[in-house]
Amino acid sequence: MSDIVDQINQAHRQVGSRDVSGEEARTVLLRRAYDADIDDVWDACTTAERIQRWFLPVTGDLRLGGRYQLQGNAGGEILQCEPPRLLRVSWVMGDAPGFSEVAVRLTEEDERTVLELEHVAVVPPGMWDQFGPGAVGVGWDLALLGFGRYLAGDFPGPEQAAAFAESDEVRAGMIRSSEAWGEAYAASGAPEAVVTAAVAATTGFYVPPREA
């Protein structure tokens, strides 16, 4: 078993829903533990210079009430900031309408830091019906895997990142992540046939067959 697959298996996942202003919002929750001090984990999650090392370059006013933009990805407003335990932001892709928020919660546990990430969004029915929670869940798994490697001083540089992302180890990790989100989806009460189709669609999106 690869190290990446092992880390995927160690994480906790949960899928649910909640009412947001009369609309059904879907929730995906991912929890992982890191061998790092809570203050260091908080700083790595909230400092622009460090965020770009493990995730993406970010610009904006990184303080409560300020706005941020991740390069080529989401942007939004910083809604809550309670160092070193809670960060909540709106999470908007371009001009996409609808509610979408991400919360990161940190707790100390046995000299480790537990990071819990929850993404809550009103998702277009067609997208959820096709992909289920894995559509965003696999992406968050990859982000937190990269975060762990960065904290451990083992994150690949820009010149190695592309090759690493296409490696057999990462592809195996994405397949396992898709399956794991399917298991969490099933645990939430989704029918078996729906889960099977969603896992197949998510895996096909993230891990397409290599060209011959």
N, C-alpha and C. Protein backbone atom coordinates (compact mmCIF):
# COMPACT_ATOMS: atom_id res chain seq x y z
N MET A 1 0.85 -1.20 0.00
CA MET A 1 0.00 0.00 0.00
C MET A 1 0.88 1.24 0.00
N SER A 2 0.57 2.21 -0.86
CA SER A 2 1.37 3.42 -0.93
C SER A 2 1.11 4.31 0.27
N ASP A 3 2.07 5.21 0.53
CA ASP A 3 1.92 6.16 1.63
C ASP A 3 0.70 7.04 1.42
N ILE A 4 0.46 7.45 0.18
CA ILE A 4 -0.69 8.33 -0.10
C ILE A 4 -2.00 7.59 0.17
N VAL A 5 -2.10 6.37 -0.30
CA VAL A 5 -3.32 5.59 -0.05
C VAL A 5 -3.51 5.37 1.44
N ASP A 6 -2.42 5.12 2.14
CA ASP A 6 -2.49 4.92 3.60
C ASP A 6 -3.03 6.18 4.27
N GLN A 7 -2.57 7.36 3.85
CA GLN A 7 -3.06 8.61 4.42
C GLN A 7 -4.54 8.84 4.08
N ILE A 8 -4.93 8.49 2.87
CA ILE A 8 -6.35 8.59 2.49
C ILE A 8 -7.20 7.74 3.42
N ASN A 9 -6.73 6.54 3.72
CA ASN A 9 -7.49 5.63 4.56
C ASN A 9 -7.58 6.10 6.01
N GLN A 10 -6.60 6.88 6.45
CA GLN A 10 -6.59 7.34 7.84
C GLN A 10 -7.54 8.52 8.09
N ALA A 11 -7.93 9.22 7.04
CA ALA A 11 -8.78 10.40 7.21
C ALA A 11 -10.23 9.99 7.48
N HIS A 12 -10.95 10.88 8.15
CA HIS A 12 -12.38 10.68 8.41
C HIS A 12 -13.19 11.55 7.45
N ARG A 13 -14.26 10.99 6.90
CA ARG A 13 -15.12 11.72 5.98
C ARG A 13 -16.58 11.59 6.39
N GLN A 14 -17.32 12.64 6.14
CA GLN A 14 -18.74 12.64 6.49
C GLN A 14 -19.50 13.47 5.46
N VAL A 15 -20.65 12.98 5.06
CA VAL A 15 -21.48 13.65 4.06
C VAL A 15 -22.85 13.91 4.66
N GLY A 16 -23.39 15.09 4.45
CA GLY A 16 -24.71 15.42 4.98
C GLY A 16 -25.37 16.54 4.22
N SER A 17 -26.34 17.16 4.86
CA SER A 17 -27.04 18.29 4.25
C SER A 17 -27.60 19.17 5.36
N ARG A 18 -27.89 20.40 5.01
CA ARG A 18 -28.50 21.32 5.96
C ARG A 18 -29.30 22.38 5.20
N ASP A 19 -30.19 23.02 5.89
CA ASP A 19 -31.00 24.07 5.28
C ASP A 19 -30.23 25.39 5.33
N VAL A 20 -30.16 26.06 4.19
CA VAL A 20 -29.55 27.38 4.10
C VAL A 20 -30.55 28.31 3.41
N SER A 21 -31.21 29.14 4.20
CA SER A 21 -32.19 30.10 3.66
C SER A 21 -33.24 29.42 2.81
N GLY A 22 -33.72 28.27 3.28
CA GLY A 22 -34.77 27.56 2.57
C GLY A 22 -34.31 26.66 1.45
N GLU A 23 -33.00 26.57 1.21
CA GLU A 23 -32.46 25.69 0.18
C GLU A 23 -31.65 24.58 0.84
N GLU A 24 -31.63 23.42 0.19
CA GLU A 24 -30.83 22.32 0.71
C GLU A 24 -29.38 22.49 0.30
N ALA A 25 -28.51 22.59 1.28
CA ALA A 25 -27.08 22.66 1.03
C ALA A 25 -26.46 21.30 1.35
N ARG A 26 -25.50 20.89 0.55
CA ARG A 26 -24.77 19.64 0.78
C ARG A 26 -23.53 19.95 1.62
N THR A 27 -23.15 19.02 2.47
CA THR A 27 -21.97 19.21 3.31
C THR A 27 -21.02 18.03 3.12
N VAL A 28 -19.74 18.36 2.99
CA VAL A 28 -18.69 17.34 3.02
C VAL A 28 -17.71 17.75 4.10
N LEU A 29 -17.32 16.80 4.92
CA LEU A 29 -16.42 17.07 6.04
C LEU A 29 -15.25 16.10 5.97
N LEU A 30 -14.03 16.64 6.09
CA LEU A 30 -12.81 15.85 6.05
C LEU A 30 -11.98 16.19 7.28
N ARG A 31 -11.52 15.15 7.98
CA ARG A 31 -10.75 15.37 9.21
C ARG A 31 -9.43 14.59 9.14
N ARG A 32 -8.32 15.30 9.42
CA ARG A 32 -6.99 14.67 9.41
C ARG A 32 -6.16 15.20 10.57
N ALA A 33 -5.22 14.41 11.03
CA ALA A 33 -4.32 14.82 12.10
C ALA A 33 -2.92 15.00 11.55
N TYR A 34 -2.21 16.00 12.10
CA TYR A 34 -0.85 16.30 11.66
C TYR A 34 0.09 16.34 12.85
N ASP A 35 1.32 15.89 12.62
CA ASP A 35 2.35 15.95 13.66
C ASP A 35 2.98 17.34 13.64
N ALA A 36 2.19 18.32 14.08
CA ALA A 36 2.66 19.71 14.08
C ALA A 36 1.91 20.48 15.15
N ASP A 37 2.54 21.53 15.63
CA ASP A 37 1.95 22.40 16.64
C ASP A 37 0.78 23.18 16.05
N ILE A 38 -0.26 23.42 16.85
CA ILE A 38 -1.46 24.08 16.35
C ILE A 38 -1.15 25.48 15.82
N ASP A 39 -0.23 26.19 16.43
CA ASP A 39 0.10 27.54 15.97
C ASP A 39 0.78 27.49 14.60
N ASP A 40 1.60 26.48 14.38
CA ASP A 40 2.27 26.32 13.09
C ASP A 40 1.25 25.95 12.01
N VAL A 41 0.33 25.05 12.33
CA VAL A 41 -0.71 24.66 11.38
C VAL A 41 -1.57 25.88 11.03
N TRP A 42 -1.95 26.65 12.04
CA TRP A 42 -2.76 27.85 11.79
C TRP A 42 -2.01 28.82 10.88
N ASP A 43 -0.74 29.05 11.17
CA ASP A 43 0.04 29.99 10.37
C ASP A 43 0.16 29.51 8.93
N ALA A 44 0.34 28.22 8.73
CA ALA A 44 0.46 27.67 7.37
C ALA A 44 -0.85 27.76 6.60
N CYS A 45 -1.97 27.80 7.32
CA CYS A 45 -3.30 27.91 6.68
C CYS A 45 -3.70 29.34 6.37
N THR A 46 -3.06 30.32 7.01
CA THR A 46 -3.57 31.68 6.97
C THR A 46 -2.57 32.72 6.49
N THR A 47 -1.32 32.33 6.24
CA THR A 47 -0.30 33.26 5.79
C THR A 47 -0.08 33.09 4.30
N ALA A 48 -0.24 34.18 3.54
CA ALA A 48 -0.20 34.09 2.08
C ALA A 48 1.09 33.45 1.57
N GLU A 49 2.21 33.84 2.14
CA GLU A 49 3.50 33.33 1.67
C GLU A 49 3.61 31.82 1.86
N ARG A 50 2.97 31.30 2.92
CA ARG A 50 3.02 29.86 3.16
C ARG A 50 1.92 29.12 2.38
N ILE A 51 0.75 29.72 2.21
CA ILE A 51 -0.32 29.07 1.47
C ILE A 51 0.12 28.72 0.05
N GLN A 52 0.87 29.62 -0.58
CA GLN A 52 1.30 29.36 -1.96
C GLN A 52 2.30 28.21 -2.06
N ARG A 53 2.94 27.84 -0.95
CA ARG A 53 3.90 26.75 -0.99
C ARG A 53 3.24 25.39 -1.08
N TRP A 54 2.01 25.26 -0.51
CA TRP A 54 1.38 23.94 -0.50
C TRP A 54 0.06 23.90 -1.26
N PHE A 55 -0.49 25.09 -1.61
CA PHE A 55 -1.79 25.10 -2.29
C PHE A 55 -1.70 25.94 -3.56
N LEU A 56 -2.00 27.24 -3.46
CA LEU A 56 -2.00 28.13 -4.62
C LEU A 56 -1.60 29.54 -4.18
N PRO A 57 -1.06 30.35 -5.09
CA PRO A 57 -0.85 31.76 -4.76
C PRO A 57 -2.18 32.43 -4.40
N VAL A 58 -2.15 33.28 -3.38
CA VAL A 58 -3.37 33.95 -2.93
C VAL A 58 -3.09 35.45 -2.78
N THR A 59 -4.06 36.24 -3.19
CA THR A 59 -3.96 37.69 -3.05
C THR A 59 -5.18 38.20 -2.28
N GLY A 60 -5.09 39.44 -1.81
CA GLY A 60 -6.22 40.05 -1.13
C GLY A 60 -5.87 40.54 0.25
N ASP A 61 -6.90 40.87 1.00
CA ASP A 61 -6.77 41.41 2.35
C ASP A 61 -7.09 40.30 3.33
N LEU A 62 -6.06 39.59 3.78
CA LEU A 62 -6.27 38.37 4.57
C LEU A 62 -6.50 38.70 6.04
N ARG A 63 -7.66 39.24 6.31
CA ARG A 63 -8.08 39.55 7.68
C ARG A 63 -9.59 39.47 7.73
N LEU A 64 -10.16 39.45 8.93
CA LEU A 64 -11.60 39.36 9.09
C LEU A 64 -12.30 40.46 8.29
N GLY A 65 -13.25 40.06 7.45
CA GLY A 65 -13.98 41.00 6.62
C GLY A 65 -13.31 41.30 5.30
N GLY A 66 -12.06 40.88 5.14
CA GLY A 66 -11.35 41.11 3.88
C GLY A 66 -11.73 40.09 2.83
N ARG A 67 -11.25 40.34 1.62
CA ARG A 67 -11.53 39.43 0.51
C ARG A 67 -10.22 38.84 0.01
N TYR A 68 -10.30 37.61 -0.51
CA TYR A 68 -9.13 36.90 -0.99
C TYR A 68 -9.43 36.31 -2.36
N GLN A 69 -8.40 35.96 -3.10
CA GLN A 69 -8.55 35.26 -4.37
C GLN A 69 -7.40 34.29 -4.55
N LEU A 70 -7.73 33.01 -4.71
CA LEU A 70 -6.74 31.99 -5.01
C LEU A 70 -6.53 31.95 -6.52
N GLN A 71 -5.30 31.92 -6.96
CA GLN A 71 -5.01 31.98 -8.39
C GLN A 71 -5.65 30.81 -9.13
N GLY A 72 -6.50 31.14 -10.10
CA GLY A 72 -7.14 30.12 -10.91
C GLY A 72 -8.16 29.29 -10.17
N ASN A 73 -8.60 29.74 -9.01
CA ASN A 73 -9.50 28.92 -8.20
C ASN A 73 -10.52 29.82 -7.53
N ALA A 74 -10.90 29.51 -6.31
CA ALA A 74 -11.98 30.21 -5.63
C ALA A 74 -11.50 31.51 -4.99
N GLY A 75 -12.47 32.35 -4.68
CA GLY A 75 -12.23 33.57 -3.93
C GLY A 75 -13.43 33.82 -3.04
N GLY A 76 -13.35 34.86 -2.23
CA GLY A 76 -14.50 35.16 -1.37
C GLY A 76 -14.12 36.09 -0.24
N GLU A 77 -14.93 36.03 0.81
CA GLU A 77 -14.76 36.91 1.97
C GLU A 77 -14.39 36.08 3.20
N ILE A 78 -13.54 36.66 4.05
CA ILE A 78 -13.18 36.01 5.31
C ILE A 78 -14.26 36.35 6.34
N LEU A 79 -15.07 35.34 6.69
CA LEU A 79 -16.27 35.55 7.50
C LEU A 79 -16.01 35.39 8.99
N GLN A 80 -15.13 34.49 9.37
CA GLN A 80 -14.74 34.30 10.77
C GLN A 80 -13.25 34.00 10.82
N CYS A 81 -12.59 34.55 11.83
CA CYS A 81 -11.16 34.30 11.99
C CYS A 81 -10.86 34.36 13.48
N GLU A 82 -10.71 33.18 14.10
CA GLU A 82 -10.49 33.08 15.54
C GLU A 82 -9.22 32.26 15.78
N PRO A 83 -8.04 32.92 15.70
CA PRO A 83 -6.77 32.20 15.84
C PRO A 83 -6.66 31.52 17.21
N PRO A 84 -6.09 30.31 17.26
CA PRO A 84 -5.65 29.48 16.14
C PRO A 84 -6.62 28.34 15.88
N ARG A 85 -7.92 28.59 15.95
CA ARG A 85 -8.86 27.47 15.96
C ARG A 85 -9.94 27.48 14.88
N LEU A 86 -10.32 28.62 14.34
CA LEU A 86 -11.43 28.64 13.39
C LEU A 86 -11.20 29.68 12.30
N LEU A 87 -11.34 29.22 11.06
CA LEU A 87 -11.35 30.10 9.89
C LEU A 87 -12.54 29.71 9.03
N ARG A 88 -13.38 30.67 8.69
CA ARG A 88 -14.54 30.40 7.83
C ARG A 88 -14.57 31.45 6.72
N VAL A 89 -14.69 30.98 5.49
CA VAL A 89 -14.67 31.87 4.33
C VAL A 89 -15.78 31.50 3.36
N SER A 90 -16.26 32.48 2.60
CA SER A 90 -17.09 32.14 1.45
C SER A 90 -16.17 31.60 0.36
N TRP A 91 -16.70 30.71 -0.48
CA TRP A 91 -15.87 29.98 -1.44
C TRP A 91 -16.58 30.02 -2.80
N VAL A 92 -16.21 30.99 -3.62
CA VAL A 92 -16.93 31.25 -4.87
C VAL A 92 -16.00 31.06 -6.05
N MET A 93 -16.46 30.28 -7.02
CA MET A 93 -15.69 30.06 -8.24
C MET A 93 -16.19 31.03 -9.31
N GLY A 94 -15.39 32.04 -9.63
CA GLY A 94 -15.76 33.00 -10.65
C GLY A 94 -17.04 33.73 -10.29
N ASP A 95 -17.99 33.74 -11.25
CA ASP A 95 -19.27 34.40 -11.04
C ASP A 95 -20.38 33.41 -10.70
N ALA A 96 -20.00 32.20 -10.26
CA ALA A 96 -21.00 31.18 -9.96
C ALA A 96 -21.95 31.65 -8.86
N PRO A 97 -23.25 31.54 -9.09
CA PRO A 97 -24.21 31.95 -8.06
C PRO A 97 -24.34 30.88 -6.98
N GLY A 98 -25.03 31.23 -5.91
CA GLY A 98 -25.33 30.23 -4.89
C GLY A 98 -24.42 30.31 -3.69
N PHE A 99 -24.86 29.63 -2.63
CA PHE A 99 -24.16 29.63 -1.34
C PHE A 99 -23.04 28.60 -1.34
N SER A 100 -21.85 29.01 -0.89
CA SER A 100 -20.73 28.08 -0.76
C SER A 100 -19.77 28.64 0.27
N GLU A 101 -19.52 27.87 1.34
CA GLU A 101 -18.60 28.28 2.40
C GLU A 101 -17.70 27.12 2.80
N VAL A 102 -16.50 27.48 3.26
CA VAL A 102 -15.56 26.50 3.78
C VAL A 102 -15.13 26.94 5.18
N ALA A 103 -15.16 26.00 6.12
CA ALA A 103 -14.70 26.26 7.48
C ALA A 103 -13.56 25.30 7.81
N VAL A 104 -12.52 25.83 8.43
CA VAL A 104 -11.40 25.03 8.91
C VAL A 104 -11.33 25.18 10.42
N ARG A 105 -11.37 24.04 11.13
CA ARG A 105 -11.33 24.04 12.59
C ARG A 105 -10.11 23.24 13.05
N LEU A 106 -9.36 23.78 13.99
CA LEU A 106 -8.17 23.13 14.51
C LEU A 106 -8.34 22.83 15.99
N THR A 107 -7.91 21.64 16.40
CA THR A 107 -7.91 21.25 17.81
C THR A 107 -6.61 20.52 18.12
N GLU A 108 -6.18 20.58 19.36
CA GLU A 108 -5.00 19.87 19.82
C GLU A 108 -5.40 18.52 20.37
N GLU A 109 -4.63 17.49 20.00
CA GLU A 109 -4.95 16.13 20.46
C GLU A 109 -3.67 15.30 20.53
N ASP A 110 -3.26 14.95 21.75
CA ASP A 110 -2.09 14.09 21.94
C ASP A 110 -0.86 14.62 21.21
N GLU A 111 -0.54 15.88 21.42
CA GLU A 111 0.63 16.53 20.83
C GLU A 111 0.55 16.62 19.31
N ARG A 112 -0.61 16.42 18.75
CA ARG A 112 -0.83 16.58 17.32
C ARG A 112 -1.90 17.66 17.12
N THR A 113 -2.08 18.08 15.89
CA THR A 113 -3.15 19.02 15.56
C THR A 113 -4.13 18.34 14.62
N VAL A 114 -5.40 18.35 14.99
CA VAL A 114 -6.45 17.79 14.15
C VAL A 114 -7.07 18.92 13.35
N LEU A 115 -7.06 18.76 12.04
CA LEU A 115 -7.66 19.74 11.13
C LEU A 115 -8.96 19.16 10.59
N GLU A 116 -10.03 19.90 10.77
CA GLU A 116 -11.34 19.51 10.23
C GLU A 116 -11.78 20.56 9.23
N LEU A 117 -11.98 20.12 8.00
CA LEU A 117 -12.43 21.02 6.93
C LEU A 117 -13.85 20.63 6.52
N GLU A 118 -14.74 21.61 6.53
CA GLU A 118 -16.13 21.38 6.12
C GLU A 118 -16.49 22.34 5.00
N HIS A 119 -16.97 21.79 3.90
CA HIS A 119 -17.42 22.59 2.75
C HIS A 119 -18.94 22.43 2.66
N VAL A 120 -19.64 23.55 2.74
CA VAL A 120 -21.10 23.58 2.69
C VAL A 120 -21.51 24.38 1.47
N ALA A 121 -22.33 23.80 0.59
CA ALA A 121 -22.69 24.50 -0.64
C ALA A 121 -24.05 24.05 -1.15
N VAL A 122 -24.76 24.98 -1.76
CA VAL A 122 -25.97 24.65 -2.53
C VAL A 122 -25.48 24.25 -3.91
N VAL A 123 -25.56 22.96 -4.22
CA VAL A 123 -24.97 22.40 -5.43
C VAL A 123 -26.06 22.21 -6.49
N PRO A 124 -25.79 22.57 -7.76
CA PRO A 124 -26.76 22.27 -8.82
C PRO A 124 -27.13 20.80 -8.80
N PRO A 125 -28.42 20.48 -8.82
CA PRO A 125 -28.84 19.07 -8.70
C PRO A 125 -28.16 18.14 -9.69
N GLY A 126 -28.01 18.58 -10.92
CA GLY A 126 -27.40 17.71 -11.92
C GLY A 126 -25.99 17.32 -11.57
N MET A 127 -25.23 18.26 -11.01
CA MET A 127 -23.83 17.97 -10.65
C MET A 127 -23.79 17.00 -9.48
N TRP A 128 -24.61 17.24 -8.45
CA TRP A 128 -24.60 16.33 -7.30
C TRP A 128 -25.08 14.94 -7.71
N ASP A 129 -26.12 14.88 -8.54
CA ASP A 129 -26.63 13.59 -8.98
C ASP A 129 -25.58 12.80 -9.75
N GLN A 130 -24.74 13.49 -10.51
CA GLN A 130 -23.74 12.80 -11.32
C GLN A 130 -22.51 12.39 -10.52
N PHE A 131 -21.99 13.31 -9.68
CA PHE A 131 -20.71 13.08 -9.02
C PHE A 131 -20.80 12.83 -7.52
N GLY A 132 -21.88 13.29 -6.87
CA GLY A 132 -21.95 13.16 -5.42
C GLY A 132 -20.86 13.97 -4.72
N PRO A 133 -20.48 13.59 -3.51
CA PRO A 133 -19.53 14.37 -2.72
C PRO A 133 -18.10 14.33 -3.23
N GLY A 134 -17.77 13.34 -4.04
CA GLY A 134 -16.41 13.21 -4.52
C GLY A 134 -15.96 14.35 -5.41
N ALA A 135 -16.90 15.07 -6.01
CA ALA A 135 -16.54 16.16 -6.91
C ALA A 135 -15.64 17.16 -6.22
N VAL A 136 -15.97 17.52 -4.98
CA VAL A 136 -15.10 18.42 -4.21
C VAL A 136 -14.25 17.63 -3.22
N GLY A 137 -14.75 16.48 -2.79
CA GLY A 137 -14.04 15.72 -1.77
C GLY A 137 -12.66 15.26 -2.19
N VAL A 138 -12.52 14.79 -3.43
CA VAL A 138 -11.21 14.34 -3.89
C VAL A 138 -10.24 15.52 -3.94
N GLY A 139 -10.73 16.67 -4.40
CA GLY A 139 -9.88 17.85 -4.43
C GLY A 139 -9.39 18.26 -3.05
N TRP A 140 -10.27 18.19 -2.06
CA TRP A 140 -9.85 18.53 -0.70
C TRP A 140 -8.89 17.49 -0.15
N ASP A 141 -9.09 16.22 -0.48
CA ASP A 141 -8.13 15.20 -0.06
C ASP A 141 -6.74 15.53 -0.59
N LEU A 142 -6.66 15.88 -1.87
CA LEU A 142 -5.37 16.21 -2.47
C LEU A 142 -4.74 17.43 -1.80
N ALA A 143 -5.57 18.44 -1.52
CA ALA A 143 -5.05 19.65 -0.87
C ALA A 143 -4.47 19.33 0.50
N LEU A 144 -5.19 18.53 1.28
CA LEU A 144 -4.71 18.23 2.63
C LEU A 144 -3.54 17.24 2.63
N LEU A 145 -3.45 16.41 1.60
CA LEU A 145 -2.26 15.57 1.44
C LEU A 145 -1.05 16.46 1.19
N GLY A 146 -1.21 17.43 0.29
CA GLY A 146 -0.13 18.36 0.02
C GLY A 146 0.24 19.17 1.25
N PHE A 147 -0.76 19.55 2.02
CA PHE A 147 -0.52 20.30 3.25
C PHE A 147 0.33 19.49 4.22
N GLY A 148 0.00 18.21 4.36
CA GLY A 148 0.76 17.34 5.25
C GLY A 148 2.21 17.19 4.80
N ARG A 149 2.41 17.04 3.49
CA ARG A 149 3.78 16.92 2.98
C ARG A 149 4.55 18.21 3.21
N TYR A 150 3.88 19.34 3.06
CA TYR A 150 4.54 20.62 3.29
C TYR A 150 4.95 20.76 4.76
N LEU A 151 4.04 20.42 5.68
CA LEU A 151 4.37 20.52 7.10
C LEU A 151 5.54 19.60 7.46
N ALA A 152 5.64 18.48 6.75
CA ALA A 152 6.72 17.53 7.02
C ALA A 152 8.00 17.87 6.27
N GLY A 153 7.98 18.97 5.50
CA GLY A 153 9.16 19.37 4.74
C GLY A 153 9.41 18.53 3.53
N ASP A 154 8.35 17.92 2.96
CA ASP A 154 8.52 16.98 1.85
C ASP A 154 7.63 17.33 0.67
N PHE A 155 7.33 18.61 0.48
CA PHE A 155 6.46 19.00 -0.64
C PHE A 155 7.32 19.21 -1.89
N PRO A 156 6.93 18.64 -3.06
CA PRO A 156 7.76 18.79 -4.26
C PRO A 156 7.79 20.23 -4.75
N GLY A 157 8.93 20.63 -5.32
CA GLY A 157 9.03 21.96 -5.90
C GLY A 157 8.22 22.06 -7.18
N PRO A 158 8.07 23.27 -7.73
CA PRO A 158 7.25 23.47 -8.93
C PRO A 158 7.66 22.58 -10.09
N GLU A 159 8.98 22.37 -10.25
CA GLU A 159 9.44 21.56 -11.38
C GLU A 159 9.11 20.08 -11.21
N GLN A 160 8.92 19.63 -9.98
CA GLN A 160 8.57 18.22 -9.74
C GLN A 160 7.06 18.01 -9.57
N ALA A 161 6.32 19.08 -9.30
CA ALA A 161 4.91 18.93 -8.93
C ALA A 161 4.08 18.30 -10.04
N ALA A 162 4.29 18.73 -11.30
CA ALA A 162 3.49 18.20 -12.40
C ALA A 162 3.71 16.70 -12.57
N ALA A 163 4.98 16.29 -12.54
CA ALA A 163 5.27 14.87 -12.69
C ALA A 163 4.72 14.07 -11.51
N PHE A 164 4.83 14.64 -10.32
CA PHE A 164 4.30 13.96 -9.14
C PHE A 164 2.79 13.77 -9.25
N ALA A 165 2.08 14.80 -9.74
CA ALA A 165 0.63 14.72 -9.85
C ALA A 165 0.18 13.63 -10.81
N GLU A 166 1.04 13.29 -11.79
CA GLU A 166 0.70 12.26 -12.77
C GLU A 166 1.26 10.89 -12.40
N SER A 167 1.87 10.79 -11.22
CA SER A 167 2.51 9.53 -10.83
C SER A 167 1.47 8.47 -10.50
N ASP A 168 1.90 7.21 -10.59
CA ASP A 168 1.00 6.10 -10.26
C ASP A 168 0.52 6.20 -8.81
N GLU A 169 1.39 6.69 -7.92
CA GLU A 169 1.03 6.79 -6.51
C GLU A 169 -0.11 7.78 -6.30
N VAL A 170 -0.03 8.93 -6.95
CA VAL A 170 -1.09 9.92 -6.81
C VAL A 170 -2.38 9.44 -7.48
N ARG A 171 -2.27 8.81 -8.62
CA ARG A 171 -3.46 8.28 -9.29
C ARG A 171 -4.15 7.24 -8.40
N ALA A 172 -3.37 6.37 -7.76
CA ALA A 172 -3.94 5.39 -6.85
C ALA A 172 -4.61 6.08 -5.66
N GLY A 173 -4.00 7.17 -5.19
CA GLY A 173 -4.60 7.93 -4.09
C GLY A 173 -5.92 8.55 -4.48
N MET A 174 -6.02 9.09 -5.70
CA MET A 174 -7.27 9.69 -6.14
C MET A 174 -8.37 8.64 -6.30
N ILE A 175 -7.99 7.48 -6.81
CA ILE A 175 -8.97 6.40 -6.92
C ILE A 175 -9.48 6.01 -5.54
N ARG A 176 -8.58 5.86 -4.59
CA ARG A 176 -8.99 5.49 -3.23
C ARG A 176 -9.83 6.58 -2.59
N SER A 177 -9.46 7.85 -2.84
CA SER A 177 -10.24 8.97 -2.31
C SER A 177 -11.67 8.94 -2.86
N SER A 178 -11.80 8.71 -4.16
CA SER A 178 -13.14 8.63 -4.76
C SER A 178 -13.96 7.51 -4.12
N GLU A 179 -13.32 6.36 -3.90
CA GLU A 179 -14.01 5.24 -3.25
C GLU A 179 -14.40 5.60 -1.82
N ALA A 180 -13.48 6.27 -1.10
CA ALA A 180 -13.74 6.62 0.30
C ALA A 180 -14.90 7.60 0.42
N TRP A 181 -14.98 8.56 -0.51
CA TRP A 181 -16.13 9.47 -0.49
C TRP A 181 -17.42 8.74 -0.85
N GLY A 182 -17.30 7.71 -1.69
CA GLY A 182 -18.46 6.88 -1.97
C GLY A 182 -18.94 6.15 -0.72
N GLU A 183 -17.99 5.68 0.08
CA GLU A 183 -18.35 5.01 1.34
C GLU A 183 -19.04 5.98 2.30
N ALA A 184 -18.54 7.21 2.37
CA ALA A 184 -19.18 8.21 3.23
C ALA A 184 -20.56 8.58 2.70
N TYR A 185 -20.69 8.63 1.39
CA TYR A 185 -21.98 8.92 0.75
C TYR A 185 -22.98 7.82 1.09
N ALA A 186 -22.54 6.57 1.00
CA ALA A 186 -23.42 5.45 1.34
C ALA A 186 -23.82 5.51 2.81
N ALA A 187 -22.88 5.86 3.68
CA ALA A 187 -23.18 5.95 5.11
C ALA A 187 -24.20 7.04 5.41
N SER A 188 -24.30 8.04 4.53
CA SER A 188 -25.28 9.11 4.71
C SER A 188 -26.69 8.69 4.30
N GLY A 189 -26.80 7.49 3.67
CA GLY A 189 -28.10 6.99 3.27
C GLY A 189 -28.35 6.95 1.79
N ALA A 190 -27.37 7.30 0.97
CA ALA A 190 -27.55 7.28 -0.49
C ALA A 190 -27.70 5.84 -0.97
N PRO A 191 -28.58 5.60 -1.96
CA PRO A 191 -28.76 4.24 -2.48
C PRO A 191 -27.50 3.71 -3.14
N GLU A 192 -27.33 2.40 -3.11
CA GLU A 192 -26.13 1.76 -3.63
C GLU A 192 -25.87 2.10 -5.09
N ALA A 193 -26.93 2.07 -5.92
CA ALA A 193 -26.75 2.34 -7.34
C ALA A 193 -26.30 3.78 -7.58
N VAL A 194 -26.83 4.71 -6.78
CA VAL A 194 -26.45 6.12 -6.90
C VAL A 194 -24.98 6.30 -6.52
N VAL A 195 -24.58 5.64 -5.43
CA VAL A 195 -23.19 5.73 -4.98
C VAL A 195 -22.25 5.16 -6.03
N THR A 196 -22.57 3.99 -6.56
CA THR A 196 -21.72 3.33 -7.55
C THR A 196 -21.52 4.22 -8.77
N ALA A 197 -22.60 4.83 -9.25
CA ALA A 197 -22.51 5.69 -10.43
C ALA A 197 -21.69 6.94 -10.13
N ALA A 198 -21.87 7.51 -8.94
CA ALA A 198 -21.14 8.72 -8.57
C ALA A 198 -19.64 8.44 -8.45
N VAL A 199 -19.28 7.32 -7.85
CA VAL A 199 -17.86 6.96 -7.71
C VAL A 199 -17.24 6.76 -9.09
N ALA A 200 -17.95 6.09 -9.98
CA ALA A 200 -17.42 5.86 -11.33
C ALA A 200 -17.22 7.19 -12.06
N ALA A 201 -18.17 8.12 -11.94
CA ALA A 201 -18.04 9.41 -12.62
C ALA A 201 -16.91 10.23 -12.03
N THR A 202 -16.79 10.23 -10.70
CA THR A 202 -15.74 11.00 -10.05
C THR A 202 -14.36 10.44 -10.40
N THR A 203 -14.23 9.11 -10.34
CA THR A 203 -12.95 8.49 -10.68
C THR A 203 -12.58 8.77 -12.12
N GLY A 204 -13.54 8.69 -13.03
CA GLY A 204 -13.27 8.96 -14.43
C GLY A 204 -12.83 10.39 -14.66
N PHE A 205 -13.36 11.33 -13.87
CA PHE A 205 -12.98 12.73 -14.02
C PHE A 205 -11.55 12.97 -13.53
N TYR A 206 -11.24 12.45 -12.34
CA TYR A 206 -9.93 12.73 -11.74
C TYR A 206 -8.83 11.81 -12.29
N VAL A 207 -9.18 10.60 -12.69
CA VAL A 207 -8.17 9.64 -13.13
C VAL A 207 -8.57 9.06 -14.49
N PRO A 208 -8.55 9.91 -15.53
CA PRO A 208 -8.89 9.39 -16.86
C PRO A 208 -7.81 8.42 -17.33
N PRO A 209 -8.17 7.51 -18.24
CA PRO A 209 -7.16 6.58 -18.75
C PRO A 209 -6.00 7.34 -19.41
N ARG A 210 -4.81 6.83 -19.22
CA ARG A 210 -3.65 7.43 -19.88
C ARG A 210 -3.69 7.15 -21.37
N GLU A 211 -3.19 8.11 -22.13
CA GLU A 211 -3.12 7.91 -23.58
C GLU A 211 -2.09 6.84 -23.89
N ALA A 212 -2.42 6.02 -24.85
CA ALA A 212 -1.51 4.93 -25.23
C ALA A 212 -0.25 5.48 -25.88
